[in-house]
Amino acid sequence: MSQKTSISIINAALDKEPADILFTNARLVNVFTRSIEQTSVAVADGLIAGFGPRKAREVVDLAGRFLLPGLIDAHIHIESTLAGPVSFGRAAVACGTTAVVADPHEIANVLGTKGLDYMLEAAKGSLADIFYMLPSCVPATNMESSGACLGADDLEPYFDNPRVLGLAEVMNFPGVLAGDEDLLAKIALAKKRGKRVDGHSPLLRGKGLDAYLAAGMESDHECIRADEAKEKLEKGMFIMIREGTAAKNLADLLPIVTAQNAFRCAFCSDDRHPYTLLDDGHMDSIVRRAISCGLDPATAIAMASLHPACHFGLARRGAVAPGYIADLVVASDIANLHAEAVYKNGLLVAQNNRAFAQSAAPSPVSVPISMNVAPGSLDFSIPANSTRARIIELVSGQVLTGHSIKTVPIADGLATADASQDIAKLVVIERHRATGRVGKGFVQGFGLKKGAIAASIAHDSHNIIVAGMDDKSMQTAAQEIMHMKGGMAVALGDRVLASLALPIAGLMSEEPLEEIRSCLDTLIKEAVNLGCSANDPFMALSFLALPVIPSLKLTDKGLVDVEKFGFVELFV
C-alpha cells in the first residue's frame, strides 16, 4: 500500500470509482468524538475512502457489528513473548493489534547493534507493524556482565530508519539527575532528530521529577500509584497505563483518567508472556479490563489506538476516518471486545482469533550465536565461611525480592540447599565473553524438593541463571541451555526432563507461539513435579539477576544489595 495520496483514493471518496470494500451496517467507534455511529465505511488502496453508501467491488455486511481502529501497544518488549517478530506479529494481529511500539532492550543487551539489526530486519515479515524505540540503557548497570555497550554514537545511525521513533525508556533516572554525560548525549541526539524520549521513573516525585522532565523525558509507563501518575500528568508527562503479565497497574491508575485528560493517556502491555497472549489476548484484553473497571468504551479504545498514534507521530493511524490506513477490527460486543475479523491495510488478515498464512513467507533473518561460556564455569560449589547466609526471598506476583539471613546446612565445608527451609542454590553464569565468572547464592520460595531449573533469560543482561537442590542437576540444566544456544530447561540428576530452545539471542524462537507455549507448559509441569510451587517459576527466575529492583539480587559478579546499590558478601 502506498502512503501517498493517489487519484484512485480521491475518486473512490467522490464515488467516481468503486471502492475496494464497502462495510455496510457498521456501528463505527469514532475515537475523535467518543461516539458510536451507524454508517457504511469504504476502503480503497488500503485507506479509508469515506462514509456512507457508494459503489464497491466487495460489500461486507457487518449486520450491526462494531467497526473500530486497529489497536496499538504503546510500549512492549517483544522478547517477553519468547517469540521473534514474525511469530509475535501473527499472534498480535489475531487479537486485533495492528501496530506496536517496541523496545528491543533485551536483545540489545545480548547482541548490541547486531540485535537491533535483527529486530529491524525481522519486523519486515510481521503482519503487525512493528516500530522501535532505541534502547537507552545498554548495559543497564555495571553490576552485571552484558553482551554489549551502546553509546550515543552507536545509536545515531538507527535514527534514520523509518521504523525508529525515538529513545526508549530511560530507566537510569538517577543517572539523568546526576548529569551522566552518555545518557544526556543520547537524549540530546533523539531531540535533535525530532524523536520521542520515553521515561521510566517509578515513584519519582517533586523536584526530582521536575529535573527528570527538564532533561527531556516525555512519557512514563512505570507509575504504580494514582497520586504519582496524577502529578506526572499535571507536569506534562504522557502516561502509559501498563497492564502486562508481570506488572498490572490498570486498576490502581484508571481513576486518574478523565474526559479532560484522557488524550494524554494510553495503554501498554510492557511484557506479554506466551500464555497471557494466547489465553487472554493483547491490547483487546486491556480494553476489556478498562471497560469492566468503568471506563467509557470509546475512550478505552481511543487509549489503545488514537492516543498512542498521536503521541508517537504515527500518521494516518489509530482511527477510522478518510485518509487513514485501513487497519480495522470487527467485533460483536464492544464491552467484551474480541476481534472477530482484522483487516490490515484493507486486507483481511485474521478471523476468529487466528491469523491467516501470508501469501509469501518472510525470508528467515540470521542472528549471531550468543552463547560464549568459558570452560570450567560449571563449578557450583559454595565454600562455607559461616553457617549464616544472605537469602534472596521470592515475593509472589512481584519482581522485587525480600532479603533475609538464615542458617544453611554445611557438608564437607560446603554450603548446600535445604528443602526443609525451601532454600535452593542459585547461580548466574556469565555467557557473553567467556570470563568464567559465576555468581553464587541462595533463594527461598521456589518450593523445589529436588532437581533444578535454568534459563538464559535473566534480566537485564541475560546470563544463564540456575536454581536447584543439587549441583549435578544444576550442571545438567546449564549444559542443556548451552547445547540449545539458549533457552529453558528442567533437570534431575543427569537427565533433562524438559526444555525449550530459544536460539535467537537465548531469548526468542521463530516457532509459532502455540508451540512455544506448549513447550513452556511442559517445562512448568516438570518443575511442579520436582516440588516447585512458584506460580510462574521461569518468570520468577528471570528477575532474580536484575540489580535495579529491590532488594537482594544475584549477578555473575556477585550478590547485590539493591537498596545500598552495591555488592555484599554471601555469608554473614
Protein backbone atom coordinates (compact mmCIF):
# COMPACT_ATOMS: atom_id res chain seq x y z
CA MET A 1 0.00 0.00 0.00
CA SER A 2 1.29 3.42 -0.93
CA GLN A 3 1.17 6.04 1.80
CA LYS A 4 0.98 8.87 -0.69
CA THR A 5 -2.38 10.09 -1.96
CA SER A 6 -3.41 8.56 -5.29
CA ILE A 7 -6.08 9.67 -7.75
CA SER A 8 -7.89 6.37 -7.18
CA ILE A 9 -8.48 7.06 -3.46
CA ILE A 10 -9.77 10.54 -4.36
CA ASN A 11 -12.12 9.11 -6.98
CA ALA A 12 -13.33 6.41 -4.60
CA ALA A 13 -14.02 9.07 -1.97
CA LEU A 14 -16.00 11.04 -4.57
CA ASP A 15 -17.80 7.84 -5.64
CA LYS A 16 -16.49 8.27 -9.18
CA GLU A 17 -14.78 4.89 -8.97
CA PRO A 18 -15.78 1.81 -6.96
CA ALA A 19 -14.08 1.33 -3.61
CA ASP A 20 -12.30 -1.95 -2.96
CA ILE A 21 -14.52 -2.79 0.04
CA LEU A 22 -17.65 -1.26 1.50
CA PHE A 23 -18.52 -2.23 5.06
CA THR A 24 -22.27 -1.77 5.46
CA ASN A 25 -24.46 -1.75 8.56
CA ALA A 26 -21.47 -0.96 10.74
CA ARG A 27 -21.54 0.55 14.20
CA LEU A 28 -18.45 2.72 13.87
CA VAL A 29 -16.47 3.55 17.01
CA ASN A 30 -15.48 7.17 16.39
CA VAL A 31 -12.46 7.81 18.61
CA PHE A 32 -12.49 11.52 17.78
CA THR A 33 -16.00 12.20 19.11
CA ARG A 34 -16.14 9.21 21.52
CA SER A 35 -19.41 8.15 19.88
CA ILE A 36 -20.90 5.12 18.14
CA GLU A 37 -22.24 5.88 14.67
CA GLN A 38 -24.36 3.70 12.36
CA THR A 39 -22.81 4.03 8.90
CA SER A 40 -21.04 2.41 5.95
CA VAL A 41 -17.26 2.63 5.56
CA ALA A 42 -15.47 2.48 2.20
CA VAL A 43 -11.88 1.30 1.73
CA ALA A 44 -9.69 1.90 -1.33
CA ASP A 45 -5.94 1.49 -1.86
CA GLY A 46 -5.61 0.35 1.76
CA LEU A 47 -7.04 3.63 3.07
CA ILE A 48 -10.42 4.72 4.37
CA ALA A 49 -12.13 6.43 1.43
CA GLY A 50 -15.17 7.74 3.25
CA PHE A 51 -18.51 7.07 4.90
CA GLY A 52 -21.96 6.34 3.52
CA PRO A 53 -23.34 4.46 0.52
CA ARG A 54 -21.17 4.19 -2.60
CA LYS A 55 -20.01 1.78 -5.28
CA ALA A 56 -17.65 -1.04 -4.25
CA ARG A 57 -16.13 -4.17 -5.72
CA GLU A 58 -16.84 -6.07 -2.50
CA VAL A 59 -19.56 -5.46 0.08
CA VAL A 60 -19.16 -6.79 3.64
CA ASP A 61 -22.38 -6.60 5.66
CA LEU A 62 -21.41 -6.22 9.32
CA ALA A 63 -25.05 -6.68 10.38
CA GLY A 64 -24.76 -4.19 13.23
CA ARG A 65 -21.36 -5.32 14.47
CA PHE A 66 -18.82 -2.78 15.69
CA LEU A 67 -16.04 -1.44 13.47
CA LEU A 68 -13.07 0.08 15.29
CA PRO A 69 -9.48 1.05 14.53
CA GLY A 70 -6.69 -1.50 14.82
CA LEU A 71 -5.19 -1.47 18.31
CA ILE A 72 -1.72 -0.12 19.14
CA ASP A 73 0.55 -1.13 22.03
CA ALA A 74 2.42 1.96 23.21
CA HIS A 75 5.27 0.01 24.83
CA ILE A 76 6.24 -3.65 24.68
CA HIS A 77 9.33 -5.82 24.83
CA ILE A 78 8.69 -8.39 22.11
CA GLU A 79 11.33 -10.62 23.70
CA SER A 80 8.96 -11.14 26.66
CA THR A 81 6.68 -13.23 24.41
CA LEU A 82 9.61 -15.62 23.71
CA ALA A 83 8.65 -15.23 20.03
CA GLY A 84 10.56 -13.45 17.29
CA PRO A 85 8.91 -10.52 15.48
CA VAL A 86 7.26 -12.70 12.82
CA SER A 87 5.68 -15.17 15.26
CA PHE A 88 4.74 -12.36 17.62
CA GLY A 89 3.12 -10.38 14.80
CA ARG A 90 0.86 -13.26 13.86
CA ALA A 91 -0.35 -13.71 17.44
CA ALA A 92 -0.81 -9.96 17.98
CA VAL A 93 -2.81 -9.40 14.78
CA ALA A 94 -5.16 -12.24 15.71
CA CYS A 95 -6.02 -10.20 18.84
CA GLY A 96 -6.72 -7.02 16.86
CA THR A 97 -3.32 -5.39 17.39
CA THR A 98 -2.13 -3.87 14.13
CA ALA A 99 0.88 -1.89 15.39
CA VAL A 100 3.24 -1.87 18.37
CA VAL A 101 5.99 0.40 19.66
CA ALA A 102 8.68 -1.97 20.91
CA ASP A 103 11.82 -1.54 22.97
CA PRO A 104 14.46 -4.14 21.92
CA HIS A 105 16.30 -3.60 25.18
CA GLU A 106 16.70 -7.30 25.94
CA ILE A 107 18.31 -8.43 22.69
CA ALA A 108 20.44 -5.27 22.58
CA ASN A 109 21.93 -6.20 25.97
CA VAL A 110 22.95 -9.53 24.45
CA LEU A 111 23.95 -8.65 20.86
CA GLY A 112 24.22 -4.85 20.74
CA THR A 113 23.76 -3.37 17.27
CA LYS A 114 23.56 -6.85 15.74
CA GLY A 115 20.47 -7.39 17.87
CA LEU A 116 18.96 -4.11 16.65
CA ASP A 117 19.73 -5.10 13.06
CA TYR A 118 17.96 -8.42 13.54
CA MET A 119 14.84 -6.87 15.08
CA LEU A 120 14.56 -4.22 12.36
CA GLU A 121 15.01 -6.72 9.54
CA ALA A 122 12.72 -9.36 11.05
CA ALA A 123 9.99 -6.76 11.57
CA LYS A 124 9.59 -6.54 7.80
CA GLY A 125 7.98 -10.00 7.86
CA SER A 126 5.50 -9.23 10.64
CA LEU A 127 1.76 -8.99 9.99
CA ALA A 128 1.55 -6.30 12.68
CA ASP A 129 3.53 -3.13 12.04
CA ILE A 130 6.46 -3.02 14.45
CA PHE A 131 8.08 0.29 15.32
CA TYR A 132 11.01 0.67 17.70
CA MET A 133 12.40 2.95 20.33
CA LEU A 134 16.18 2.60 20.62
CA PRO A 135 17.32 1.13 23.95
CA SER A 136 18.84 3.80 26.17
CA CYS A 137 20.48 1.67 28.85
CA VAL A 138 22.80 -0.97 27.41
CA PRO A 139 24.14 -2.08 29.79
CA ALA A 140 21.56 -1.25 32.42
CA THR A 141 24.16 -1.33 35.20
CA ASN A 142 27.82 -2.15 35.76
CA MET A 143 26.93 -4.70 38.44
CA GLU A 144 26.45 -7.48 35.88
CA SER A 145 28.13 -8.51 32.62
CA SER A 146 26.20 -7.69 29.47
CA GLY A 147 27.00 -8.69 25.92
CA ALA A 148 27.21 -5.13 24.60
CA CYS A 149 27.57 -1.45 25.35
CA LEU A 150 25.67 1.07 23.22
CA GLY A 151 26.63 4.72 23.34
CA ALA A 152 25.12 7.68 21.53
CA ASP A 153 27.45 7.19 18.56
CA ASP A 154 26.28 3.58 18.20
CA LEU A 155 22.62 4.62 18.18
CA GLU A 156 22.85 7.62 15.88
CA PRO A 157 22.67 5.79 12.50
CA TYR A 158 19.49 4.00 13.55
CA PHE A 159 17.51 7.22 13.87
CA ASP A 160 17.44 7.33 10.05
CA ASN A 161 15.38 4.14 9.93
CA PRO A 162 11.66 4.92 9.43
CA ARG A 163 10.73 2.24 11.98
CA VAL A 164 12.66 4.07 14.72
CA LEU A 165 10.50 6.56 16.60
CA GLY A 166 12.82 7.66 19.38
CA LEU A 167 14.77 6.74 22.51
CA ALA A 168 13.31 4.01 24.72
CA GLU A 169 12.66 4.13 28.44
CA VAL A 170 15.49 6.00 30.16
CA MET A 171 15.41 3.77 33.20
CA ASN A 172 18.56 5.11 34.81
CA PHE A 173 16.82 8.18 36.17
CA PRO A 174 19.40 8.59 38.96
CA GLY A 175 21.99 8.87 36.18
CA VAL A 176 19.94 11.57 34.47
CA LEU A 177 19.64 13.54 37.70
CA ALA A 178 23.39 13.18 38.27
CA GLY A 179 24.10 14.53 34.77
CA ASP A 180 25.50 11.31 33.26
CA GLU A 181 27.13 12.52 30.04
CA ASP A 182 26.38 9.42 27.96
CA LEU A 183 22.69 9.43 28.89
CA LEU A 184 22.34 13.14 28.22
CA ALA A 185 24.07 12.69 24.86
CA LYS A 186 21.52 10.03 23.86
CA ILE A 187 18.62 12.24 24.93
CA ALA A 188 20.06 15.23 23.06
CA LEU A 189 20.54 13.09 19.95
CA ALA A 190 16.91 11.98 19.96
CA LYS A 191 15.72 15.55 20.48
CA LYS A 192 17.95 16.80 17.69
CA ARG A 193 16.34 14.28 15.35
CA GLY A 194 12.84 15.33 16.44
CA LYS A 195 12.18 11.95 18.07
CA ARG A 196 10.33 10.97 21.21
CA VAL A 197 12.06 10.12 24.50
CA ASP A 198 10.33 7.61 26.77
CA GLY A 199 10.81 7.86 30.52
CA HIS A 200 10.97 5.21 33.23
CA SER A 201 10.74 6.68 36.72
CA PRO A 202 8.75 4.64 39.26
CA LEU A 203 7.68 6.74 42.27
CA LEU A 204 9.80 9.74 41.20
CA ARG A 205 8.13 12.88 42.55
CA GLY A 206 8.73 16.54 43.35
CA LYS A 207 11.95 18.28 42.36
CA GLY A 208 13.48 15.02 41.14
CA LEU A 209 10.61 14.59 38.72
CA ASP A 210 10.94 18.23 37.64
CA ALA A 211 14.61 17.68 36.84
CA TYR A 212 13.88 14.44 35.00
CA LEU A 213 11.28 16.17 32.83
CA ALA A 214 13.55 19.15 32.29
CA ALA A 215 16.14 16.74 30.88
CA GLY A 216 13.71 15.85 28.09
CA MET A 217 11.61 12.89 29.23
CA GLU A 218 8.11 12.79 27.77
CA SER A 219 6.30 9.68 29.00
CA ASP A 220 6.19 7.06 31.74
CA HIS A 221 4.78 3.54 31.87
CA GLU A 222 6.12 2.75 35.36
CA CYS A 223 3.54 4.57 37.51
CA ILE A 224 2.38 2.46 40.43
CA ARG A 225 0.18 4.84 42.42
CA ALA A 226 -2.63 7.13 41.28
CA ASP A 227 -1.23 10.20 43.05
CA GLU A 228 2.13 9.61 41.38
CA ALA A 229 0.53 9.33 37.93
CA LYS A 230 -1.60 12.42 38.59
CA GLU A 231 1.45 14.54 39.42
CA LYS A 232 3.25 13.33 36.31
CA LEU A 233 0.18 14.03 34.19
CA GLU A 234 -0.13 17.53 35.64
CA LYS A 235 3.52 18.19 34.80
CA GLY A 236 3.03 17.26 31.14
CA MET A 237 4.04 13.60 31.05
CA PHE A 238 2.21 11.27 28.68
CA ILE A 239 1.03 8.40 30.89
CA MET A 240 1.05 4.84 29.60
CA ILE A 241 -1.09 2.71 31.87
CA ARG A 242 0.52 -0.71 32.00
CA GLU A 243 -1.34 -3.99 32.24
CA GLY A 244 1.12 -6.76 31.49
CA THR A 245 1.84 -10.29 32.59
CA ALA A 246 4.31 -9.33 35.32
CA ALA A 247 3.07 -5.87 36.32
CA LYS A 248 -0.59 -4.88 36.46
CA ASN A 249 -1.30 -1.22 37.20
CA LEU A 250 -4.60 -0.55 35.42
CA ALA A 251 -6.94 -0.87 38.39
CA ASP A 252 -4.84 1.49 40.51
CA LEU A 253 -4.28 4.12 37.80
CA LEU A 254 -7.54 4.19 35.87
CA PRO A 255 -9.22 6.61 38.35
CA ILE A 256 -6.89 9.40 37.17
CA VAL A 257 -8.36 9.27 33.64
CA THR A 258 -10.99 11.94 32.98
CA ALA A 259 -12.73 13.28 29.92
CA GLN A 260 -10.37 16.28 30.07
CA ASN A 261 -7.06 14.41 30.30
CA ALA A 262 -7.71 11.07 28.57
CA PHE A 263 -5.96 12.31 25.42
CA ARG A 264 -2.71 12.33 27.46
CA CYS A 265 -3.10 8.67 28.41
CA ALA A 266 -2.65 5.37 26.59
CA PHE A 267 -2.43 1.68 27.36
CA CYS A 268 0.61 -0.56 27.07
CA SER A 269 1.49 -4.14 27.95
CA ASP A 270 5.26 -3.81 28.56
CA ASP A 271 5.63 -7.60 28.95
CA ARG A 272 3.28 -10.21 27.47
CA HIS A 273 4.17 -13.81 28.15
CA PRO A 274 3.06 -16.57 25.74
CA TYR A 275 0.23 -17.97 27.83
CA THR A 276 -1.15 -14.48 28.53
CA LEU A 277 -1.06 -13.57 24.84
CA LEU A 278 -2.76 -16.81 23.78
CA ASP A 279 -5.24 -17.16 26.64
CA ASP A 280 -6.17 -13.55 27.46
CA GLY A 281 -5.15 -11.66 24.33
CA HIS A 282 -3.17 -8.48 23.89
CA MET A 283 -4.48 -4.91 23.78
CA ASP A 284 -8.02 -6.25 23.44
CA SER A 285 -7.76 -7.75 26.92
CA ILE A 286 -6.57 -4.42 28.35
CA VAL A 287 -9.51 -2.63 26.73
CA ARG A 288 -11.91 -5.23 28.19
CA ARG A 289 -10.39 -4.76 31.63
CA ALA A 290 -10.60 -0.97 31.43
CA ILE A 291 -14.26 -1.07 30.39
CA SER A 292 -15.05 -3.54 33.19
CA CYS A 293 -13.49 -1.02 35.60
CA GLY A 294 -15.92 1.65 34.41
CA LEU A 295 -14.08 3.47 31.61
CA ASP A 296 -16.21 4.67 28.70
CA PRO A 297 -15.76 2.06 25.90
CA ALA A 298 -14.94 4.57 23.16
CA THR A 299 -12.36 6.23 25.40
CA ALA A 300 -10.84 2.85 26.24
CA ILE A 301 -10.49 2.08 22.54
CA ALA A 302 -9.02 5.53 21.85
CA MET A 303 -6.39 4.94 24.54
CA ALA A 304 -5.40 1.78 22.67
CA SER A 305 -5.39 3.34 19.21
CA LEU A 306 -5.59 7.08 18.53
CA HIS A 307 -3.72 8.29 21.62
CA PRO A 308 -0.51 6.25 21.11
CA ALA A 309 -0.64 7.01 17.38
CA CYS A 310 -0.78 10.74 18.07
CA HIS A 311 1.92 10.62 20.74
CA PHE A 312 4.41 8.80 18.53
CA GLY A 313 3.52 10.65 15.34
CA LEU A 314 2.17 7.56 13.58
CA ALA A 315 0.40 9.45 10.83
CA ARG A 316 -2.89 8.15 9.44
CA ARG A 317 -3.21 5.52 12.19
CA GLY A 318 -5.38 4.96 15.21
CA ALA A 319 -8.78 5.98 13.83
CA VAL A 320 -11.36 5.11 11.18
CA ALA A 321 -11.53 8.29 9.12
CA PRO A 322 -10.99 9.35 5.48
CA GLY A 323 -7.31 9.14 4.53
CA TYR A 324 -6.41 6.90 7.48
CA ILE A 325 -4.80 3.50 6.96
CA ALA A 326 -7.50 0.82 6.86
CA ASP A 327 -6.35 -1.13 9.92
CA LEU A 328 -9.71 -2.32 11.23
CA VAL A 329 -11.22 -4.62 13.83
CA VAL A 330 -14.71 -6.12 13.65
CA ALA A 331 -16.37 -7.17 16.93
CA SER A 332 -19.88 -8.06 18.05
CA ASP A 333 -19.53 -6.79 21.62
CA ILE A 334 -17.60 -3.65 22.42
CA ALA A 335 -17.67 -4.17 26.19
CA ASN A 336 -16.39 -7.73 25.86
CA LEU A 337 -14.06 -6.95 22.99
CA HIS A 338 -12.85 -9.90 20.91
CA ALA A 339 -11.60 -9.46 17.36
CA GLU A 340 -13.83 -11.47 15.02
CA ALA A 341 -12.09 -10.11 11.91
CA VAL A 342 -8.97 -7.99 11.48
CA TYR A 343 -8.07 -6.01 8.37
CA LYS A 344 -4.56 -4.73 7.74
CA ASN A 345 -4.19 -2.10 5.03
CA GLY A 346 -7.67 -3.04 3.90
CA LEU A 347 -6.91 -6.77 3.60
CA LEU A 348 -8.42 -9.48 5.81
CA VAL A 349 -5.51 -10.97 7.81
CA ALA A 350 -7.19 -12.68 10.77
CA GLN A 351 -10.54 -14.13 11.69
CA ASN A 352 -11.89 -15.66 14.90
CA ASN A 353 -8.58 -15.27 16.74
CA ARG A 354 -6.46 -16.91 14.04
CA ALA A 355 -4.15 -15.10 11.64
CA PHE A 356 -4.08 -16.24 8.02
CA ALA A 357 -0.92 -17.54 6.40
CA GLN A 358 0.91 -14.87 4.44
CA SER A 359 0.92 -15.28 0.67
CA ALA A 360 4.71 -15.34 0.73
CA ALA A 361 6.51 -16.46 3.87
CA PRO A 362 9.08 -13.91 5.05
CA SER A 363 12.69 -14.80 4.44
CA PRO A 364 14.46 -16.02 7.58
CA VAL A 365 16.77 -13.48 9.18
CA SER A 366 20.08 -14.67 10.57
CA VAL A 367 21.20 -13.77 14.07
CA PRO A 368 24.62 -14.41 15.67
CA ILE A 369 25.01 -17.21 18.19
CA SER A 370 25.11 -15.68 21.65
CA MET A 371 26.37 -18.44 23.92
CA ASN A 372 30.01 -17.97 24.90
CA VAL A 373 30.60 -19.75 28.21
CA ALA A 374 34.14 -20.36 29.48
CA PRO A 375 35.18 -23.98 30.10
CA GLY A 376 35.10 -24.79 33.80
CA SER A 377 32.21 -22.41 34.53
CA LEU A 378 30.04 -25.16 35.97
CA ASP A 379 31.62 -25.46 39.42
CA PHE A 380 28.70 -24.55 41.64
CA SER A 381 30.22 -25.47 45.00
CA ILE A 382 29.96 -22.82 47.72
CA PRO A 383 32.72 -22.93 50.35
CA ALA A 384 31.15 -22.02 53.68
CA ASN A 385 32.68 -19.11 55.58
CA SER A 386 29.82 -19.24 58.07
CA THR A 387 26.56 -21.06 58.73
CA ARG A 388 24.63 -17.80 58.28
CA ALA A 389 23.95 -16.65 54.73
CA ARG A 390 22.02 -13.92 52.97
CA ILE A 391 18.94 -15.36 51.23
CA ILE A 392 17.02 -13.93 48.29
CA GLU A 393 13.30 -14.30 49.03
CA LEU A 394 10.75 -14.62 46.24
CA VAL A 395 7.70 -12.37 46.60
CA SER A 396 4.65 -13.91 44.95
CA GLY A 397 3.47 -11.97 41.90
CA GLN A 398 6.25 -9.36 42.19
CA VAL A 399 9.61 -8.78 40.52
CA LEU A 400 11.02 -7.34 43.74
CA THR A 401 12.53 -9.73 46.27
CA GLY A 402 12.98 -9.95 50.01
CA HIS A 403 16.29 -10.16 51.88
CA SER A 404 16.84 -12.34 54.91
CA ILE A 405 19.66 -14.03 56.84
CA LYS A 406 19.24 -17.72 57.62
CA THR A 407 21.25 -20.74 58.72
CA VAL A 408 22.19 -23.02 55.81
CA PRO A 409 23.40 -26.65 56.03
CA ILE A 410 27.15 -27.34 55.77
CA ALA A 411 28.54 -30.62 54.36
CA ASP A 412 32.29 -31.17 53.96
CA GLY A 413 32.89 -27.46 54.30
CA LEU A 414 30.39 -26.58 51.56
CA ALA A 415 27.07 -24.77 51.96
CA THR A 416 24.15 -26.69 50.46
CA ALA A 417 20.48 -26.30 49.60
CA ASP A 418 17.90 -27.12 52.23
CA ALA A 419 14.47 -28.43 51.17
CA SER A 420 13.16 -28.24 54.74
CA GLN A 421 13.57 -24.44 54.65
CA ASP A 422 12.67 -24.17 50.95
CA ILE A 423 16.17 -22.84 50.24
CA ALA A 424 17.67 -23.63 46.82
CA LYS A 425 21.11 -22.82 45.46
CA LEU A 426 21.21 -20.09 42.85
CA VAL A 427 23.97 -19.42 40.32
CA VAL A 428 24.43 -16.91 37.49
CA ILE A 429 26.91 -17.90 34.75
CA GLU A 430 28.41 -15.22 32.51
CA ARG A 431 27.65 -16.24 28.92
CA HIS A 432 28.75 -13.37 26.69
CA ARG A 433 32.53 -13.04 26.90
CA ALA A 434 33.70 -16.37 28.40
CA THR A 435 35.04 -14.68 31.53
CA GLY A 436 34.32 -17.73 33.67
CA ARG A 437 32.51 -15.62 36.26
CA VAL A 438 29.84 -17.42 38.29
CA GLY A 439 27.80 -15.66 40.95
CA LYS A 440 26.63 -17.97 43.73
CA GLY A 441 23.92 -17.62 46.35
CA PHE A 442 20.67 -18.95 47.77
CA VAL A 443 17.00 -18.32 47.06
CA GLN A 444 13.89 -19.14 49.08
CA GLY A 445 10.41 -19.59 47.69
CA PHE A 446 10.58 -21.92 44.68
CA GLY A 447 9.44 -24.93 46.69
CA LEU A 448 11.81 -27.30 44.90
CA LYS A 449 12.38 -30.63 46.63
CA LYS A 450 14.87 -31.93 44.07
CA GLY A 451 16.33 -31.16 40.64
CA ALA A 452 16.96 -27.80 39.00
CA ILE A 453 15.53 -25.21 36.60
CA ALA A 454 17.61 -22.97 34.34
CA ALA A 455 17.23 -20.28 31.68
CA SER A 456 19.22 -17.89 29.53
CA ILE A 457 16.62 -15.19 30.23
CA ALA A 458 17.84 -13.23 33.24
CA HIS A 459 17.09 -9.51 33.13
CA ASP A 460 18.74 -7.34 32.04
CA SER A 461 21.98 -8.86 30.76
CA HIS A 462 20.58 -12.37 30.26
CA ASN A 463 23.33 -14.54 31.59
CA ILE A 464 22.49 -18.17 32.39
CA ILE A 465 20.64 -18.47 35.69
CA VAL A 466 20.11 -21.77 37.53
CA ALA A 467 18.20 -22.63 40.71
CA GLY A 468 18.43 -26.13 42.14
CA MET A 469 18.77 -28.51 45.01
CA ASP A 470 21.98 -30.30 43.96
CA ASP A 471 24.98 -29.47 41.82
CA LYS A 472 24.53 -32.35 39.36
CA SER A 473 21.00 -31.35 38.41
CA MET A 474 22.08 -27.71 38.12
CA GLN A 475 25.00 -28.63 35.85
CA THR A 476 22.77 -30.76 33.63
CA ALA A 477 20.28 -27.93 33.25
CA ALA A 478 23.03 -25.40 32.48
CA GLN A 479 24.63 -27.72 29.92
CA GLU A 480 21.28 -28.11 28.15
CA ILE A 481 20.97 -24.31 27.91
CA MET A 482 24.43 -24.14 26.36
CA HIS A 483 23.68 -27.02 23.96
CA MET A 484 20.50 -25.31 22.70
CA LYS A 485 22.35 -21.98 22.25
CA GLY A 486 19.91 -20.54 24.75
CA GLY A 487 16.56 -21.47 26.24
CA MET A 488 14.98 -23.00 29.34
CA ALA A 489 15.45 -26.40 30.95
CA VAL A 490 14.36 -28.61 33.85
CA ALA A 491 16.74 -31.36 35.00
CA LEU A 492 17.01 -34.07 37.63
CA GLY A 493 20.44 -35.59 38.14
CA ASP A 494 21.92 -36.25 34.71
CA ARG A 495 18.50 -36.24 32.95
CA VAL A 496 16.93 -33.32 31.10
CA LEU A 497 13.21 -33.57 31.85
CA ALA A 498 12.03 -30.73 29.58
CA SER A 499 13.50 -27.94 27.50
CA LEU A 500 12.62 -25.05 25.23
CA ALA A 501 15.18 -23.84 22.68
CA LEU A 502 15.44 -20.05 22.30
CA PRO A 503 18.19 -19.72 19.70
CA ILE A 504 17.54 -16.04 18.93
CA ALA A 505 19.97 -14.47 21.41
CA GLY A 506 18.88 -17.02 24.01
CA LEU A 507 15.64 -15.05 24.27
CA MET A 508 13.29 -15.95 21.43
CA SER A 509 12.19 -18.60 18.96
CA GLU A 510 10.70 -18.23 15.49
CA GLU A 511 8.47 -21.25 16.09
CA PRO A 512 4.73 -20.49 16.24
CA LEU A 513 3.67 -19.10 19.58
CA GLU A 514 1.42 -22.11 20.16
CA GLU A 515 4.45 -24.43 20.00
CA ILE A 516 6.46 -22.18 22.30
CA ARG A 517 3.61 -22.18 24.78
CA SER A 518 3.29 -25.98 24.60
CA CYS A 519 6.97 -26.40 25.50
CA LEU A 520 6.61 -23.86 28.28
CA ASP A 521 3.64 -25.75 29.70
CA THR A 522 5.73 -28.95 29.77
CA LEU A 523 8.59 -27.13 31.49
CA ILE A 524 6.31 -25.82 34.21
CA LYS A 525 4.67 -29.25 34.63
CA GLU A 526 8.07 -30.90 35.13
CA ALA A 527 9.12 -28.16 37.56
CA VAL A 528 5.95 -28.78 39.56
CA ASN A 529 6.79 -32.49 39.60
CA LEU A 530 10.05 -31.53 41.31
CA GLY A 531 8.04 -29.78 44.00
CA CYS A 532 8.15 -26.27 42.56
CA SER A 533 5.31 -24.18 44.00
CA ALA A 534 6.14 -20.79 42.45
CA ASN A 535 3.26 -19.62 40.27
CA ASP A 536 5.47 -18.98 37.22
CA PRO A 537 8.90 -20.33 38.10
CA PHE A 538 10.70 -19.21 34.95
CA MET A 539 9.37 -15.67 35.14
CA ALA A 540 10.37 -15.53 38.80
CA LEU A 541 13.80 -16.92 37.94
CA SER A 542 14.32 -14.35 35.17
CA PHE A 543 14.12 -11.39 37.57
CA LEU A 544 16.49 -12.71 40.25
CA ALA A 545 19.51 -11.24 38.44
CA LEU A 546 18.04 -7.76 37.96
CA PRO A 547 20.19 -5.49 40.17
CA VAL A 548 17.99 -2.41 39.86
CA ILE A 549 14.87 -3.83 41.55
CA PRO A 550 14.99 -4.21 45.38
CA SER A 551 16.08 -5.72 47.48
CA LEU A 552 18.57 -8.57 47.02
CA LYS A 553 19.70 -9.93 43.63
CA LEU A 554 22.45 -12.16 42.24
CA THR A 555 24.53 -11.40 39.13
CA ASP A 556 27.58 -13.10 37.66
CA LYS A 557 29.64 -10.60 39.65
CA GLY A 558 28.11 -11.45 43.00
CA LEU A 559 25.32 -10.71 45.44
CA VAL A 560 23.82 -7.21 45.14
CA ASP A 561 22.04 -5.28 47.88
CA VAL A 562 19.95 -3.08 45.59
CA GLU A 563 18.93 -0.68 48.36
CA LYS A 564 22.61 0.03 49.06
CA PHE A 565 23.36 -0.23 45.31
CA GLY A 566 26.44 -2.31 45.98
CA PHE A 567 27.81 -5.81 46.42
CA VAL A 568 27.55 -7.68 49.72
CA GLU A 569 29.11 -10.88 51.00
CA LEU A 570 27.02 -14.05 50.84
CA PHE A 571 27.96 -15.14 54.35
CA VAL A 572 27.46 -13.06 57.45
